[in-house]
Structure formats: structure tokens, C-alpha cells
Amino acid sequence: MISMGLSHFSKMFDLKVKKELVPYNVMCNSNNQVVGVETCLNGLREQLDPFQKKTDIEVSKMYDEFVSNCEEWECFNDEGNVNTQKYLGKYCHMDCVTQYHGWEKFREWVLESLEMDINHYYTISSLADAYLQKKGAYDGCYQLGGVPRAFIQRCVVGGRTMTSENKKHHVKEEVEDLDANSLYPSAMERIGREIGGYLKGKPKVIQTFVPHKYDGYFVCIEVTNDIVGKTMFLDRFSLEDLIKYQGIEYKVINGYYYDEGRNPNVEEIMNHLYDTRVEKKKEENKIELAHEIGVQIDT
């Protein structure tokens, strides 16, 4: 639900508690319940500063914090060594306290910003989906199941970033190194602005393929030129691109089409989330994190 480690909670949510220090490599790999404090400090340095990049002051603060924890949690024995079981128990308890307060703050942000309770959802994706539904992005659309869902799912392709034929290229000229953000929301905004939004109505079985009459379609085709006999599952845009850029010829085996229009509301919703987040970010209001659900939608 919250895409950051506990170590960031204190700063992100302005908490008085934080994720504590623990020398995992010493305490978790030792069969001894008591370990010397110097051994713990050396283990902490190896774990958190393996390349010795911290300044002496930073290292000293880290050591002081660990020793202070041992004193506050009464983990020193009479010989001045550390009771590892007691320390680890308190450390895990503080993890839970930090997570609890971070969760409550995030819940408060989402309630204020989106009027939705994160306690009613298991994941940030389910929350984002519910928000889109609440705002009308799916009005007139149908949830799919069974054979139509399984068929259309085969037309979905994602996660590919590669050159043609996956070949390597040594580029000696200057290239643009673009670090774009909000790629999912921008793609969803384009769906509303450029093609009209999400498909409305129920999928209908294609009897005679007449693509210009459809708002969208999902088909299984057989290529009849170049890669003869190749069977592919494609949506409307993938097929149009193959025809335009690859010059394929084909015959449709079967598929589904939609012809009841599209719901464009996703464009306005994504623009609202993005603009509000930018505004809050300028104000240095950390509630802007609540608007990150726009980028978490599970496509």
C-alpha cells in the first residue's frame, strides 16, 4: 500500500518514532544471546557503511544511537555486553510502532484528499481502481469474466523495452536521457483525450469483420504474407500498427468487438490527480503522496 521502506517513514510522515538500528549480521547470525558492544558496533558499520563513506561524525552518531537504544531498552548486562534477544524484541516492536503511525498518517492523508479509507482495501492498486470507479471512469463499461476475459487478456502485451530484434547498438552520438514521470497517468489521460476513453458496453462476437464500424476490437488473426501461418492475438491498435508499419496481410479467425462508444472521464480524473499533486508539492505539503495512487493503477 505504501511504496517506501520503514526507514523513510519518520521523515516522510513527520513521526516522532523511527526505524531503529540493528546489526543484523551480528545478532541474527549468532547463537549467543549476549554479544560484546564493540562487536555490535563493528557489525553495524560493516552493514550500513560497507564502503567506509560515512564521515567520522556520522559514524559517531550512529554508534551513539545504538548505545542509547541499548541503555533505554535495558539491553546491557552487568558486564556491559548486549542481550541480543532483548534488543531484537524491542527493535521489532518499534518497527510495528513506526509502521502503525505511518499507516495512520497515510490513512489520514487519503481520507482528506480522496475521501476514501485505505482500511477497506488490500493494495494501492485496488484503491486506485476503486477511486476510478467512484469518479465515473467506468460508467457504462462492463467487467469481464470467463472466455471473453481470457481471450482479451491474450491481446495484452506489456513490459517490453528493446531494440528491433533485440540487437545491441553502440551509439556514439549524443542521446536524450529522459527520466519521465507519471507514465501510467499520462497514458490513461491519452486514452481519454486521443481515443475517447474506455470501451463501453459488452463485447460482441465477430461474425463478419468490419473494423471501421467498431470503437474497439480484439482478434485472433492468421498472417497470410511474410510470416505465413503465424497466429497472433491483437487489439485494434496493434493490428493497425502492423498493417501500417509492417504491411502485413491477414485473415481474422475470431474475436470480439465493441460498438457502444467510449467513456472519456479518465482524462479529467488523471488531470485532476496530477494537477493537485503538483500544487501540493509546490506547497511542500506531503499530502501530495496520497495522489500517487494515480500512478499505481494496475494495468
Protein backbone atom coordinates (compact mmCIF):
# COMPACT_ATOMS: atom_id res chain seq x y z
CA MET A 1 0.00 0.00 0.00
CA ILE A 2 2.86 2.38 0.85
CA SER A 3 5.74 2.10 -1.60
CA MET A 4 8.63 3.01 0.69
CA GLY A 5 10.70 1.32 3.35
CA LEU A 6 10.16 1.86 7.07
CA SER A 7 13.46 3.72 7.24
CA HIS A 8 11.79 6.60 5.35
CA PHE A 9 8.62 6.75 7.49
CA SER A 10 9.95 9.13 10.14
CA LYS A 11 10.87 11.86 7.65
CA MET A 12 8.02 11.22 5.22
CA PHE A 13 5.22 11.22 7.78
CA ASP A 14 6.89 13.57 10.29
CA LEU A 15 6.84 10.94 13.05
CA LYS A 16 8.44 11.05 16.50
CA VAL A 17 9.30 7.36 16.11
CA LYS A 18 11.59 5.82 13.51
CA LYS A 19 13.02 2.56 12.23
CA GLU A 20 15.81 1.70 14.66
CA LEU A 21 19.36 0.46 14.10
CA VAL A 22 20.24 -3.21 14.33
CA PRO A 23 23.43 -5.08 13.33
CA TYR A 24 21.67 -7.95 11.56
CA ASN A 25 24.87 -9.74 10.62
CA VAL A 26 25.91 -9.97 14.28
CA MET A 27 22.66 -10.50 16.12
CA CYS A 28 20.81 -12.71 13.62
CA ASN A 29 23.75 -14.97 12.76
CA SER A 30 24.94 -15.54 16.30
CA ASN A 31 23.89 -18.40 18.55
CA ASN A 32 24.91 -16.33 21.55
CA GLN A 33 22.28 -14.34 23.43
CA VAL A 34 24.99 -11.97 24.65
CA VAL A 35 27.38 -10.13 22.32
CA GLY A 36 30.03 -7.54 23.09
CA VAL A 37 29.07 -3.96 22.32
CA GLU A 38 32.19 -3.41 20.19
CA THR A 39 31.28 -6.43 18.08
CA CYS A 40 27.81 -4.95 17.55
CA LEU A 41 29.24 -1.55 16.59
CA ASN A 42 31.69 -3.09 14.12
CA GLY A 43 28.84 -5.14 12.61
CA LEU A 44 26.70 -2.02 12.34
CA ARG A 45 29.49 -0.21 10.48
CA GLU A 46 30.02 -3.13 8.07
CA GLN A 47 26.29 -3.27 7.36
CA LEU A 48 25.39 0.41 7.00
CA ASP A 49 28.72 1.74 5.72
CA PRO A 50 30.35 -1.11 3.76
CA PHE A 51 32.44 1.25 1.61
CA GLN A 52 33.53 3.46 4.54
CA LYS A 53 31.90 6.54 3.02
CA LYS A 54 30.36 7.96 6.18
CA THR A 55 32.18 10.77 7.95
CA ASP A 56 33.57 10.26 11.45
CA ILE A 57 30.77 12.42 12.81
CA GLU A 58 28.11 10.31 11.04
CA VAL A 59 29.67 7.09 12.33
CA SER A 60 29.88 8.52 15.84
CA LYS A 61 26.17 9.49 15.76
CA MET A 62 25.26 6.00 14.55
CA TYR A 63 27.24 4.40 17.38
CA ASP A 64 25.77 6.78 19.96
CA GLU A 65 22.23 5.99 18.77
CA PHE A 66 22.81 2.26 19.09
CA VAL A 67 24.32 2.58 22.56
CA SER A 68 21.49 4.90 23.60
CA ASN A 69 18.96 2.29 22.43
CA CYS A 70 20.71 -0.40 24.47
CA GLU A 71 20.58 1.82 27.55
CA GLU A 72 16.95 2.91 27.06
CA TRP A 73 15.79 -0.65 26.36
CA GLU A 74 17.87 -2.04 29.26
CA CYS A 75 19.77 -4.42 26.99
CA PHE A 76 23.18 -4.17 28.73
CA ASN A 77 24.07 -6.86 31.26
CA ASP A 78 26.35 -6.36 34.26
CA GLU A 79 29.43 -6.89 32.09
CA GLY A 80 28.35 -4.23 29.61
CA ASN A 81 27.52 -6.70 26.84
CA VAL A 82 24.33 -6.62 24.75
CA ASN A 83 21.41 -9.02 25.28
CA THR A 84 20.58 -9.71 21.61
CA GLN A 85 17.18 -11.31 22.20
CA LYS A 86 16.01 -8.37 24.25
CA TYR A 87 17.34 -5.87 21.73
CA LEU A 88 15.81 -7.66 18.74
CA GLY A 89 12.48 -7.94 20.52
CA LYS A 90 12.37 -4.22 21.20
CA TYR A 91 13.62 -3.47 17.67
CA CYS A 92 10.78 -5.48 16.10
CA HIS A 93 8.28 -3.81 18.42
CA MET A 94 9.50 -0.37 17.31
CA ASP A 95 9.15 -1.46 13.67
CA CYS A 96 5.49 -2.20 14.36
CA VAL A 97 5.00 1.13 16.17
CA THR A 98 6.61 3.03 13.26
CA GLN A 99 4.51 1.21 10.70
CA TYR A 100 1.35 1.81 12.71
CA HIS A 101 1.87 5.58 12.99
CA GLY A 102 2.92 5.84 9.33
CA TRP A 103 -0.18 3.90 8.29
CA GLU A 104 -2.44 6.15 10.36
CA LYS A 105 -0.90 9.29 8.85
CA PHE A 106 -1.21 7.93 5.31
CA ARG A 107 -4.82 6.94 6.03
CA GLU A 108 -5.49 10.49 7.24
CA TRP A 109 -3.99 11.94 4.04
CA VAL A 110 -6.05 9.72 1.75
CA LEU A 111 -9.25 10.40 3.70
CA GLU A 112 -8.65 14.15 3.42
CA SER A 113 -7.55 14.12 -0.20
CA LEU A 114 -9.66 11.40 -1.81
CA GLU A 115 -12.40 10.77 0.77
CA MET A 116 -11.53 7.06 0.79
CA ASP A 117 -10.48 4.81 3.68
CA ILE A 118 -7.39 2.69 2.93
CA ASN A 119 -8.51 0.21 5.60
CA HIS A 120 -11.11 -1.01 3.11
CA TYR A 121 -8.51 -2.07 0.52
CA TYR A 122 -5.69 -4.59 0.37
CA THR A 123 -3.41 -2.85 -2.16
CA ILE A 124 -2.74 0.58 -3.64
CA SER A 125 -3.91 -0.80 -7.00
CA SER A 126 -7.30 -1.83 -5.60
CA LEU A 127 -7.61 1.62 -4.03
CA ALA A 128 -6.77 3.31 -7.34
CA ASP A 129 -9.27 1.11 -9.17
CA ALA A 130 -11.98 1.95 -6.64
CA TYR A 131 -11.19 5.67 -6.99
CA LEU A 132 -11.58 5.50 -10.78
CA GLN A 133 -14.86 3.67 -10.36
CA LYS A 134 -16.05 6.23 -7.81
CA LYS A 135 -15.24 9.10 -10.17
CA GLY A 136 -17.08 7.57 -13.10
CA ALA A 137 -14.21 6.34 -15.27
CA TYR A 138 -16.01 3.04 -15.81
CA ASP A 139 -19.58 4.29 -16.21
CA GLY A 140 -21.18 2.31 -19.00
CA CYS A 141 -18.33 -0.22 -19.02
CA TYR A 142 -18.59 -3.89 -18.09
CA GLN A 143 -16.29 -6.08 -16.01
CA LEU A 144 -15.25 -9.16 -17.95
CA GLY A 145 -15.03 -12.78 -16.89
CA GLY A 146 -14.80 -16.29 -18.32
CA VAL A 147 -13.99 -16.85 -22.00
CA PRO A 148 -14.17 -13.18 -23.17
CA ARG A 149 -11.79 -12.08 -20.41
CA ALA A 150 -9.34 -14.92 -21.14
CA PHE A 151 -9.42 -14.16 -24.88
CA ILE A 152 -8.91 -10.41 -24.49
CA GLN A 153 -6.16 -10.96 -21.93
CA ARG A 154 -4.14 -12.71 -24.65
CA CYS A 155 -4.15 -9.44 -26.60
CA VAL A 156 -2.44 -7.59 -23.74
CA VAL A 157 1.32 -7.11 -24.13
CA GLY A 158 3.49 -5.11 -21.75
CA GLY A 159 6.86 -4.77 -20.10
CA ARG A 160 8.94 -4.76 -23.27
CA THR A 161 11.74 -2.25 -23.75
CA MET A 162 14.05 -3.35 -26.54
CA THR A 163 15.52 -2.53 -29.92
CA SER A 164 14.41 -4.21 -33.14
CA GLU A 165 15.18 -7.93 -32.95
CA ASN A 166 16.65 -7.24 -29.51
CA LYS A 167 20.00 -6.30 -31.06
CA LYS A 168 22.68 -4.26 -29.30
CA HIS A 169 23.78 -0.93 -30.75
CA HIS A 170 26.83 1.14 -29.82
CA VAL A 171 25.65 4.72 -30.21
CA LYS A 172 28.46 7.27 -30.27
CA GLU A 173 26.31 10.35 -30.82
CA GLU A 174 24.60 12.29 -28.04
CA VAL A 175 21.30 10.76 -26.92
CA GLU A 176 18.43 12.13 -24.90
CA ASP A 177 18.40 10.67 -21.39
CA LEU A 178 14.79 11.29 -20.45
CA ASP A 179 13.53 10.48 -16.97
CA ALA A 180 9.79 10.83 -17.45
CA ASN A 181 7.35 10.63 -14.55
CA SER A 182 3.69 9.68 -14.17
CA LEU A 183 3.81 7.43 -17.23
CA TYR A 184 0.70 5.42 -16.29
CA PRO A 185 -1.47 8.51 -15.64
CA SER A 186 -0.23 10.19 -18.83
CA ALA A 187 -1.07 7.07 -20.84
CA MET A 188 -4.52 6.92 -19.25
CA GLU A 189 -5.05 10.63 -19.93
CA ARG A 190 -4.20 10.00 -23.59
CA ILE A 191 -6.74 7.16 -23.69
CA GLY A 192 -9.41 9.69 -22.79
CA ARG A 193 -8.12 12.60 -24.88
CA GLU A 194 -6.95 10.83 -28.05
CA ILE A 195 -9.24 7.81 -28.47
CA GLY A 196 -12.25 8.70 -26.33
CA GLY A 197 -11.71 6.69 -23.15
CA TYR A 198 -12.64 3.22 -22.02
CA LEU A 199 -14.83 0.96 -24.14
CA LYS A 200 -18.49 0.91 -23.14
CA GLY A 201 -20.95 -1.92 -23.44
CA LYS A 202 -20.47 -5.67 -23.69
CA PRO A 203 -18.07 -7.40 -26.09
CA LYS A 204 -19.84 -8.94 -29.09
CA VAL A 205 -18.66 -11.94 -31.10
CA ILE A 206 -17.32 -11.03 -34.55
CA GLN A 207 -19.29 -12.70 -37.32
CA THR A 208 -18.07 -10.58 -40.24
CA PHE A 209 -15.06 -8.37 -39.54
CA VAL A 210 -15.90 -4.72 -40.32
CA PRO A 211 -13.24 -2.77 -38.35
CA HIS A 212 -14.28 0.76 -39.37
CA LYS A 213 -17.64 0.23 -37.64
CA TYR A 214 -16.07 -0.67 -34.28
CA ASP A 215 -14.88 1.51 -31.39
CA GLY A 216 -12.51 -1.26 -30.44
CA TYR A 217 -11.87 -4.93 -31.07
CA PHE A 218 -9.72 -7.87 -30.01
CA VAL A 219 -8.98 -10.52 -32.62
CA CYS A 220 -7.03 -13.65 -33.35
CA ILE A 221 -5.54 -13.38 -36.85
CA GLU A 222 -3.52 -15.54 -39.20
CA VAL A 223 -0.85 -13.71 -41.20
CA THR A 224 -1.03 -14.62 -44.90
CA ASN A 225 2.18 -12.94 -46.11
CA ASP A 226 5.80 -12.75 -44.99
CA ILE A 227 5.38 -14.88 -41.84
CA VAL A 228 2.71 -17.10 -43.37
CA GLY A 229 0.67 -19.10 -40.90
CA LYS A 230 1.71 -17.03 -37.88
CA THR A 231 -1.24 -16.71 -35.46
CA MET A 232 -1.45 -13.59 -33.32
CA PHE A 233 -3.83 -12.14 -30.72
CA LEU A 234 -4.15 -8.37 -31.20
CA ASP A 235 -6.18 -5.38 -30.16
CA ARG A 236 -7.29 -2.71 -32.61
CA PHE A 237 -4.20 -0.53 -32.30
CA SER A 238 -1.71 -3.38 -32.54
CA LEU A 239 -3.34 -4.63 -35.73
CA GLU A 240 -3.49 -1.13 -37.23
CA ASP A 241 0.23 -0.65 -36.49
CA LEU A 242 1.15 -3.99 -38.05
CA ILE A 243 -0.75 -3.07 -41.20
CA LYS A 244 0.72 0.46 -41.35
CA TYR A 245 4.33 -0.25 -40.44
CA GLN A 246 4.85 -3.91 -41.34
CA GLY A 247 2.49 -4.20 -44.29
CA ILE A 248 1.00 -7.48 -43.13
CA GLU A 249 -1.88 -9.24 -44.84
CA TYR A 250 -4.13 -11.35 -42.69
CA LYS A 251 -7.41 -13.08 -42.14
CA VAL A 252 -9.42 -12.88 -38.93
CA ILE A 253 -10.04 -16.21 -37.24
CA ASN A 254 -12.29 -14.96 -34.43
CA GLY A 255 -12.65 -12.20 -31.89
CA TYR A 256 -14.80 -9.64 -30.09
CA TYR A 257 -15.81 -6.09 -30.94
CA TYR A 258 -17.27 -3.05 -29.14
CA ASP A 259 -19.56 -0.53 -30.84
CA GLU A 260 -21.30 1.34 -28.00
CA GLY A 261 -18.90 4.26 -27.68
CA ARG A 262 -16.31 5.14 -25.07
CA ASN A 263 -16.27 6.77 -21.63
CA PRO A 264 -13.80 9.74 -21.67
CA ASN A 265 -13.90 10.55 -17.94
CA VAL A 266 -10.43 9.11 -17.24
CA GLU A 267 -8.82 12.15 -18.90
CA GLU A 268 -10.35 14.62 -16.45
CA ILE A 269 -9.67 12.33 -13.47
CA MET A 270 -5.98 11.89 -14.29
CA ASN A 271 -5.50 15.62 -14.93
CA HIS A 272 -7.12 16.41 -11.58
CA LEU A 273 -4.87 13.97 -9.70
CA TYR A 274 -1.74 15.19 -11.42
CA ASP A 275 -2.50 18.91 -11.08
CA THR A 276 -3.44 18.55 -7.42
CA ARG A 277 -0.26 16.62 -6.70
CA VAL A 278 1.88 19.29 -8.40
CA GLU A 279 0.10 22.01 -6.42
CA LYS A 280 0.64 20.24 -3.09
CA LYS A 281 4.24 19.51 -3.97
CA LYS A 282 4.92 23.21 -4.58
CA GLU A 283 3.40 23.92 -1.17
CA GLU A 284 5.74 21.26 0.30
CA ASN A 285 2.62 19.57 1.61
CA LYS A 286 3.37 15.88 1.97
CA ILE A 287 -0.26 15.06 1.34
CA GLU A 288 0.81 15.09 -2.33
CA LEU A 289 1.91 11.49 -1.78
CA ALA A 290 -1.75 10.49 -1.49
CA HIS A 291 -2.18 11.46 -5.14
CA GLU A 292 0.43 8.91 -6.19
CA ILE A 293 -2.39 6.38 -6.46
CA GLY A 294 -2.80 7.76 -9.98
CA VAL A 295 0.46 6.09 -10.98
CA GLN A 296 -0.24 2.84 -9.17
CA ILE A 297 -3.20 1.64 -11.19
CA ASP A 298 -2.61 -1.99 -12.07
CA THR A 299 -2.83 -2.08 -15.86
